[in-house]
Amino acid sequence: MATIDFENIDSDSTDNKYLDLCKKGRYIEAVKVYKDDTGCGLAEAKAYIDNLRSEYGIKPQSSGQGCMVAISILIIVSFLIFL
């Protein structure tokens, strides 16, 4: 899947602000802004932003907290076992 060169996005593009938010990992905000701008429903806004991300090859950014939670639980359980 090809990715877009964000430096060359047409500044008049109506999707520019949604793409910029998605690029920064602010997916939920992009959905909200699109919903507010168009007056559409939440499901339609989410579908539009999902399609936009897919079209331009923007992958969701991981929060990186999943591994930290697993490690924390492992440490706590290990501590309780050896206590």
N, C-alpha and C. Protein backbone atom coordinates (compact mmCIF):
# COMPACT_ATOMS: atom_id res chain seq x y z
N MET A 1 0.85 -1.17 0.00
CA MET A 1 0.00 0.00 0.00
C MET A 1 0.90 1.24 0.00
N ALA A 2 0.63 2.13 -0.89
CA ALA A 2 1.44 3.35 -0.99
C ALA A 2 1.06 4.32 0.12
N THR A 3 2.06 5.05 0.58
CA THR A 3 1.79 6.09 1.58
C THR A 3 1.88 7.45 0.91
N ILE A 4 1.24 8.40 1.51
CA ILE A 4 1.19 9.75 0.93
C ILE A 4 2.34 10.59 1.45
N ASP A 5 2.81 11.48 0.60
CA ASP A 5 3.83 12.45 1.00
C ASP A 5 3.07 13.65 1.56
N PHE A 6 3.06 13.78 2.88
CA PHE A 6 2.27 14.83 3.52
C PHE A 6 2.78 16.23 3.22
N GLU A 7 4.01 16.35 2.79
CA GLU A 7 4.54 17.67 2.45
C GLU A 7 3.89 18.21 1.18
N ASN A 8 3.35 17.31 0.35
CA ASN A 8 2.81 17.74 -0.94
C ASN A 8 1.28 17.69 -0.99
N ILE A 9 0.62 17.60 0.15
CA ILE A 9 -0.84 17.63 0.15
C ILE A 9 -1.29 19.03 -0.24
N ASP A 10 -2.25 19.09 -1.14
CA ASP A 10 -2.81 20.38 -1.55
C ASP A 10 -3.44 21.05 -0.33
N SER A 11 -3.00 22.27 -0.03
CA SER A 11 -3.48 22.96 1.17
C SER A 11 -4.97 23.27 1.11
N ASP A 12 -5.56 23.25 -0.10
CA ASP A 12 -6.99 23.51 -0.23
C ASP A 12 -7.82 22.24 -0.07
N SER A 13 -7.17 21.12 0.09
CA SER A 13 -7.87 19.86 0.22
C SER A 13 -8.72 19.87 1.49
N THR A 14 -9.98 19.50 1.35
CA THR A 14 -10.85 19.47 2.52
C THR A 14 -10.47 18.34 3.47
N ASP A 15 -9.77 17.34 2.97
CA ASP A 15 -9.36 16.22 3.81
C ASP A 15 -8.04 16.48 4.52
N ASN A 16 -7.40 17.57 4.21
CA ASN A 16 -6.07 17.85 4.76
C ASN A 16 -6.05 17.82 6.29
N LYS A 17 -7.01 18.46 6.93
CA LYS A 17 -6.98 18.51 8.39
C LYS A 17 -7.24 17.14 9.00
N TYR A 18 -8.07 16.32 8.34
CA TYR A 18 -8.33 14.98 8.85
C TYR A 18 -7.10 14.10 8.68
N LEU A 19 -6.44 14.24 7.54
CA LEU A 19 -5.20 13.48 7.30
C LEU A 19 -4.12 13.88 8.29
N ASP A 20 -4.02 15.16 8.56
CA ASP A 20 -3.00 15.65 9.49
C ASP A 20 -3.25 15.10 10.89
N LEU A 21 -4.50 15.10 11.33
CA LEU A 21 -4.83 14.55 12.65
C LEU A 21 -4.51 13.06 12.71
N CYS A 22 -4.86 12.33 11.66
CA CYS A 22 -4.57 10.89 11.63
C CYS A 22 -3.07 10.64 11.63
N LYS A 23 -2.34 11.44 10.89
CA LYS A 23 -0.88 11.28 10.84
C LYS A 23 -0.27 11.48 12.22
N LYS A 24 -0.87 12.35 13.01
CA LYS A 24 -0.36 12.63 14.36
C LYS A 24 -0.88 11.63 15.39
N GLY A 25 -1.65 10.63 14.94
CA GLY A 25 -2.18 9.63 15.85
C GLY A 25 -3.43 10.08 16.58
N ARG A 26 -4.06 11.12 16.12
CA ARG A 26 -5.26 11.68 16.77
C ARG A 26 -6.51 11.28 15.99
N TYR A 27 -6.66 9.96 15.85
CA TYR A 27 -7.74 9.38 15.06
C TYR A 27 -9.13 9.77 15.59
N ILE A 28 -9.34 9.65 16.88
CA ILE A 28 -10.65 9.95 17.46
C ILE A 28 -11.00 11.42 17.24
N GLU A 29 -10.01 12.28 17.37
CA GLU A 29 -10.26 13.71 17.12
C GLU A 29 -10.61 13.95 15.66
N ALA A 30 -9.97 13.22 14.74
CA ALA A 30 -10.28 13.36 13.31
C ALA A 30 -11.73 12.97 13.05
N VAL A 31 -12.19 11.89 13.68
CA VAL A 31 -13.58 11.46 13.52
C VAL A 31 -14.52 12.54 14.06
N LYS A 32 -14.20 13.08 15.23
CA LYS A 32 -15.04 14.11 15.85
C LYS A 32 -15.10 15.38 15.00
N VAL A 33 -13.95 15.82 14.50
CA VAL A 33 -13.91 17.03 13.68
C VAL A 33 -14.71 16.82 12.40
N TYR A 34 -14.54 15.65 11.76
CA TYR A 34 -15.31 15.37 10.54
C TYR A 34 -16.80 15.36 10.84
N LYS A 35 -17.17 14.72 11.95
CA LYS A 35 -18.59 14.65 12.36
C LYS A 35 -19.15 16.05 12.59
N ASP A 36 -18.39 16.89 13.27
CA ASP A 36 -18.83 18.26 13.54
C ASP A 36 -18.90 19.09 12.25
N ASP A 37 -17.92 18.91 11.36
CA ASP A 37 -17.88 19.68 10.12
C ASP A 37 -19.04 19.34 9.18
N THR A 38 -19.40 18.05 9.14
CA THR A 38 -20.39 17.61 8.16
C THR A 38 -21.78 17.44 8.73
N GLY A 39 -21.88 17.28 10.05
CA GLY A 39 -23.18 17.04 10.66
C GLY A 39 -23.67 15.61 10.49
N CYS A 40 -22.78 14.73 10.06
CA CYS A 40 -23.16 13.33 9.87
C CYS A 40 -23.15 12.59 11.21
N GLY A 41 -23.55 11.34 11.19
CA GLY A 41 -23.55 10.52 12.40
C GLY A 41 -22.16 9.99 12.70
N LEU A 42 -22.02 9.43 13.90
CA LEU A 42 -20.73 8.91 14.34
C LEU A 42 -20.25 7.76 13.46
N ALA A 43 -21.15 6.83 13.13
CA ALA A 43 -20.77 5.68 12.31
C ALA A 43 -20.28 6.12 10.93
N GLU A 44 -20.97 7.09 10.34
CA GLU A 44 -20.57 7.59 9.03
C GLU A 44 -19.22 8.31 9.10
N ALA A 45 -19.02 9.10 10.15
CA ALA A 45 -17.75 9.81 10.31
C ALA A 45 -16.60 8.83 10.50
N LYS A 46 -16.81 7.80 11.31
CA LYS A 46 -15.78 6.79 11.54
C LYS A 46 -15.46 6.06 10.24
N ALA A 47 -16.49 5.69 9.48
CA ALA A 47 -16.28 4.99 8.21
C ALA A 47 -15.50 5.87 7.24
N TYR A 48 -15.83 7.15 7.19
CA TYR A 48 -15.13 8.07 6.28
C TYR A 48 -13.65 8.18 6.65
N ILE A 49 -13.36 8.39 7.93
CA ILE A 49 -11.97 8.54 8.38
C ILE A 49 -11.22 7.22 8.20
N ASP A 50 -11.87 6.08 8.48
CA ASP A 50 -11.23 4.78 8.25
C ASP A 50 -10.87 4.62 6.78
N ASN A 51 -11.78 5.00 5.90
CA ASN A 51 -11.53 4.90 4.47
C ASN A 51 -10.39 5.84 4.05
N LEU A 52 -10.38 7.03 4.60
CA LEU A 52 -9.33 8.00 4.30
C LEU A 52 -7.97 7.47 4.73
N ARG A 53 -7.91 6.92 5.94
CA ARG A 53 -6.65 6.35 6.44
C ARG A 53 -6.19 5.20 5.57
N SER A 54 -7.13 4.36 5.18
CA SER A 54 -6.80 3.22 4.33
C SER A 54 -6.29 3.68 2.96
N GLU A 55 -6.97 4.67 2.40
CA GLU A 55 -6.62 5.20 1.07
C GLU A 55 -5.21 5.78 1.06
N TYR A 56 -4.81 6.44 2.13
CA TYR A 56 -3.50 7.08 2.19
C TYR A 56 -2.46 6.28 2.97
N GLY A 57 -2.81 5.07 3.38
CA GLY A 57 -1.84 4.19 4.03
C GLY A 57 -1.43 4.63 5.41
N ILE A 58 -2.33 5.26 6.14
CA ILE A 58 -2.02 5.70 7.50
C ILE A 58 -2.44 4.60 8.46
N LYS A 59 -1.47 4.02 9.13
CA LYS A 59 -1.75 2.94 10.06
C LYS A 59 -2.01 3.52 11.45
N PRO A 60 -2.90 2.86 12.21
CA PRO A 60 -3.15 3.33 13.59
C PRO A 60 -1.88 3.24 14.42
N GLN A 61 -1.66 4.22 15.26
CA GLN A 61 -0.49 4.21 16.12
C GLN A 61 -0.83 3.52 17.43
N SER A 62 0.07 2.66 17.87
CA SER A 62 -0.11 1.95 19.12
C SER A 62 0.23 2.88 20.28
N SER A 63 -0.50 2.73 21.36
CA SER A 63 -0.21 3.54 22.54
C SER A 63 1.03 3.03 23.25
N GLY A 64 1.40 1.77 23.00
CA GLY A 64 2.59 1.21 23.60
C GLY A 64 2.40 0.82 25.06
N GLN A 65 1.19 0.88 25.57
CA GLN A 65 0.95 0.59 26.97
C GLN A 65 0.58 -0.87 27.21
N GLY A 66 0.23 -1.61 26.19
CA GLY A 66 -0.16 -3.00 26.36
C GLY A 66 0.93 -3.85 26.96
N CYS A 67 2.13 -3.68 26.48
CA CYS A 67 3.27 -4.45 27.00
C CYS A 67 3.58 -4.03 28.43
N MET A 68 3.50 -2.77 28.73
CA MET A 68 3.79 -2.28 30.07
C MET A 68 2.80 -2.86 31.08
N VAL A 69 1.54 -2.95 30.71
CA VAL A 69 0.54 -3.53 31.60
C VAL A 69 0.84 -5.00 31.85
N ALA A 70 1.17 -5.73 30.79
CA ALA A 70 1.49 -7.16 30.94
C ALA A 70 2.70 -7.36 31.84
N ILE A 71 3.73 -6.57 31.67
CA ILE A 71 4.93 -6.68 32.50
C ILE A 71 4.61 -6.35 33.95
N SER A 72 3.81 -5.32 34.17
CA SER A 72 3.43 -4.94 35.53
C SER A 72 2.66 -6.06 36.23
N ILE A 73 1.74 -6.67 35.52
CA ILE A 73 0.97 -7.78 36.09
C ILE A 73 1.89 -8.96 36.40
N LEU A 74 2.81 -9.25 35.50
CA LEU A 74 3.76 -10.34 35.71
C LEU A 74 4.61 -10.09 36.96
N ILE A 75 5.07 -8.88 37.14
CA ILE A 75 5.89 -8.54 38.31
C ILE A 75 5.07 -8.68 39.59
N ILE A 76 3.84 -8.19 39.58
CA ILE A 76 2.99 -8.27 40.77
C ILE A 76 2.69 -9.72 41.12
N VAL A 77 2.32 -10.52 40.13
CA VAL A 77 2.03 -11.94 40.37
C VAL A 77 3.27 -12.66 40.89
N SER A 78 4.41 -12.39 40.28
CA SER A 78 5.66 -13.01 40.73
C SER A 78 5.96 -12.62 42.17
N PHE A 79 5.76 -11.38 42.50
CA PHE A 79 6.01 -10.90 43.87
C PHE A 79 5.08 -11.61 44.86
N LEU A 80 3.81 -11.74 44.49
CA LEU A 80 2.84 -12.39 45.38
C LEU A 80 3.13 -13.88 45.55
N ILE A 81 3.62 -14.54 44.52
CA ILE A 81 3.95 -15.96 44.60
C ILE A 81 5.12 -16.19 45.54
N PHE A 82 6.12 -15.35 45.48
CA PHE A 82 7.33 -15.54 46.27
C PHE A 82 7.27 -14.85 47.63
N LEU A 83 6.15 -14.31 47.97
CA LEU A 83 5.99 -13.61 49.25
C LEU A 83 5.79 -14.55 50.39
